[in-house]
Amino acid sequence: MVRRGLPRKIKALTTRYIWLLNDRRMTDAEKVLETIKHGLKPNPLFRGYYNALEGMAMGLKSKDTRYLYINRMDLKDKKTLKNLQREFTKQSRNSRQDDFDRGFFMAWCEYIQALQSQEPSTETLTSYLSDE
């Protein structure tokens, strides 16, 4: 099993990346994602983490509501976000999950934490994206 903790710099970059995604600044977000990629060690945990971050951007770009999480989250619904965070945290610590999957869910935990640390949103991410 791989060490679970993320380097502090990667956590900070991830928060920045998520804020940029949420603001639809995709070019800037992609630059930060590239920096994150180079700062992660090549192991299954961090590959899963990076894969989730990359998938977040792909989901936002496509605006396809079939994406499991990104286009279905209601940013105003604090209770649901808290429940999702609890579930993602549980999965990221589940010893039955392989390292790749734990890393994947770690990234989703970071996503929700970053959104909660940002100013409250007035609409769902899906409706925000559809207004463009």
Protein backbone atom coordinates (compact mmCIF):
# COMPACT_ATOMS: atom_id res chain seq x y z
CA MET A 1 0.00 0.00 0.00
CA VAL A 2 1.20 3.48 -0.87
CA ARG A 3 1.38 6.35 1.60
CA ARG A 4 -1.94 8.21 1.44
CA GLY A 5 -0.92 11.77 2.13
CA LEU A 6 -0.54 14.36 -0.55
CA PRO A 7 2.34 16.80 -0.51
CA ARG A 8 1.20 20.20 0.75
CA LYS A 9 2.17 21.85 -2.53
CA ILE A 10 0.00 19.39 -4.50
CA LYS A 11 -2.97 20.01 -2.20
CA ALA A 12 -2.61 23.77 -2.73
CA LEU A 13 -2.28 23.33 -6.49
CA THR A 14 -5.32 21.04 -6.51
CA THR A 15 -7.41 23.65 -4.71
CA ARG A 16 -6.28 26.27 -7.23
CA TYR A 17 -7.09 23.88 -10.09
CA ILE A 18 -10.59 23.23 -8.78
CA TRP A 19 -11.29 26.92 -8.31
CA LEU A 20 -10.14 27.57 -11.87
CA LEU A 21 -12.40 24.78 -13.13
CA ASN A 22 -15.31 26.18 -11.19
CA ASP A 23 -14.65 29.61 -12.74
CA ARG A 24 -14.46 27.96 -16.19
CA ARG A 25 -10.86 29.14 -16.71
CA MET A 26 -9.94 25.95 -18.51
CA THR A 27 -6.64 27.08 -20.04
CA ASP A 28 -5.30 28.20 -16.66
CA ALA A 29 -6.66 25.03 -15.04
CA GLU A 30 -4.87 22.85 -17.60
CA LYS A 31 -1.56 24.58 -16.82
CA VAL A 32 -2.03 23.92 -13.11
CA LEU A 33 -2.99 20.30 -13.84
CA GLU A 34 0.25 19.87 -15.78
CA THR A 35 2.19 21.18 -12.77
CA ILE A 36 0.30 18.75 -10.52
CA LYS A 37 1.14 15.89 -12.88
CA HIS A 38 4.86 16.63 -12.66
CA GLY A 39 4.70 16.91 -8.87
CA LEU A 40 3.13 13.50 -8.29
CA LYS A 41 5.14 10.32 -7.85
CA PRO A 42 4.44 7.61 -10.43
CA ASN A 43 2.44 5.20 -8.29
CA PRO A 44 -1.13 3.84 -8.51
CA LEU A 45 -2.49 6.12 -5.78
CA PHE A 46 -1.35 9.28 -7.50
CA ARG A 47 -2.34 7.97 -10.94
CA GLY A 48 -5.89 7.54 -9.63
CA TYR A 49 -5.75 11.01 -8.09
CA TYR A 50 -4.56 12.58 -11.34
CA ASN A 51 -7.08 10.58 -13.37
CA ALA A 52 -9.94 12.02 -11.30
CA LEU A 53 -8.62 15.58 -11.66
CA GLU A 54 -8.29 15.13 -15.40
CA GLY A 55 -11.81 13.66 -15.55
CA MET A 56 -13.23 16.69 -13.77
CA ALA A 57 -12.03 18.95 -16.57
CA MET A 58 -13.25 16.55 -19.25
CA GLY A 59 -16.68 16.40 -17.61
CA LEU A 60 -16.96 20.17 -17.46
CA LYS A 61 -15.82 20.58 -21.04
CA SER A 62 -18.36 18.10 -22.35
CA LYS A 63 -21.28 19.33 -20.20
CA ASP A 64 -22.57 15.76 -20.45
CA THR A 65 -24.86 15.00 -17.52
CA ARG A 66 -23.88 11.32 -17.69
CA TYR A 67 -20.62 12.09 -15.90
CA LEU A 68 -20.94 10.52 -12.51
CA TYR A 69 -20.31 13.49 -10.24
CA ILE A 70 -19.16 16.73 -11.78
CA ASN A 71 -22.27 17.71 -13.72
CA ARG A 72 -24.72 16.45 -11.12
CA MET A 73 -23.55 18.31 -8.03
CA ASP A 74 -25.80 20.99 -6.65
CA LEU A 75 -23.36 23.45 -5.13
CA LYS A 76 -26.08 25.02 -2.98
CA ASP A 77 -27.10 21.73 -1.39
CA LYS A 78 -24.69 21.63 1.54
CA LYS A 79 -26.24 18.47 2.97
CA THR A 80 -25.70 16.51 -0.23
CA LEU A 81 -22.15 17.84 -0.59
CA LYS A 82 -21.43 16.80 2.99
CA ASN A 83 -22.84 13.31 2.29
CA LEU A 84 -20.76 13.03 -0.89
CA GLN A 85 -17.66 14.14 0.97
CA ARG A 86 -18.34 11.53 3.65
CA GLU A 87 -18.76 8.82 1.00
CA PHE A 88 -15.65 9.89 -0.95
CA THR A 89 -13.63 9.94 2.28
CA LYS A 90 -14.91 6.49 3.20
CA GLN A 91 -13.95 5.11 -0.23
CA SER A 92 -10.53 6.79 -0.15
CA ARG A 93 -9.77 4.97 3.11
CA ASN A 94 -11.39 1.64 2.22
CA SER A 95 -8.76 -1.09 2.40
CA ARG A 96 -10.78 -3.16 -0.09
CA GLN A 97 -10.18 -0.51 -2.74
CA ASP A 98 -6.93 -0.65 -4.65
CA ASP A 99 -4.53 2.30 -4.50
CA PHE A 100 -5.72 3.71 -7.83
CA ASP A 101 -9.34 3.87 -6.62
CA ARG A 102 -8.34 5.35 -3.26
CA GLY A 103 -6.42 8.07 -5.10
CA PHE A 104 -9.41 8.69 -7.35
CA PHE A 105 -11.68 9.25 -4.35
CA MET A 106 -9.04 11.38 -2.61
CA ALA A 107 -9.26 13.81 -5.52
CA TRP A 108 -13.04 14.00 -5.18
CA CYS A 109 -12.65 14.73 -1.47
CA GLU A 110 -10.33 17.58 -2.41
CA TYR A 111 -12.88 18.80 -4.95
CA ILE A 112 -15.63 19.13 -2.37
CA GLN A 113 -13.30 20.66 0.23
CA ALA A 114 -12.15 23.26 -2.31
CA LEU A 115 -15.72 24.14 -3.25
CA GLN A 116 -16.69 24.48 0.39
CA SER A 117 -13.76 26.82 1.01
CA GLN A 118 -14.78 29.04 -1.90
CA GLU A 119 -17.54 31.65 -1.65
CA PRO A 120 -21.01 30.11 -1.65
CA SER A 121 -22.45 29.56 -5.09
CA THR A 122 -25.91 30.77 -6.01
CA GLU A 123 -26.70 28.03 -8.52
CA THR A 124 -25.87 24.49 -9.46
CA LEU A 125 -22.80 23.84 -11.52
CA THR A 126 -24.94 22.34 -14.28
CA SER A 127 -27.16 25.43 -14.56
CA TYR A 128 -24.09 27.66 -14.37
CA LEU A 129 -22.56 25.84 -17.31
CA SER A 130 -25.77 25.87 -19.34
CA ASP A 131 -26.01 29.69 -19.08
CA GLU A 132 -22.91 30.19 -21.21
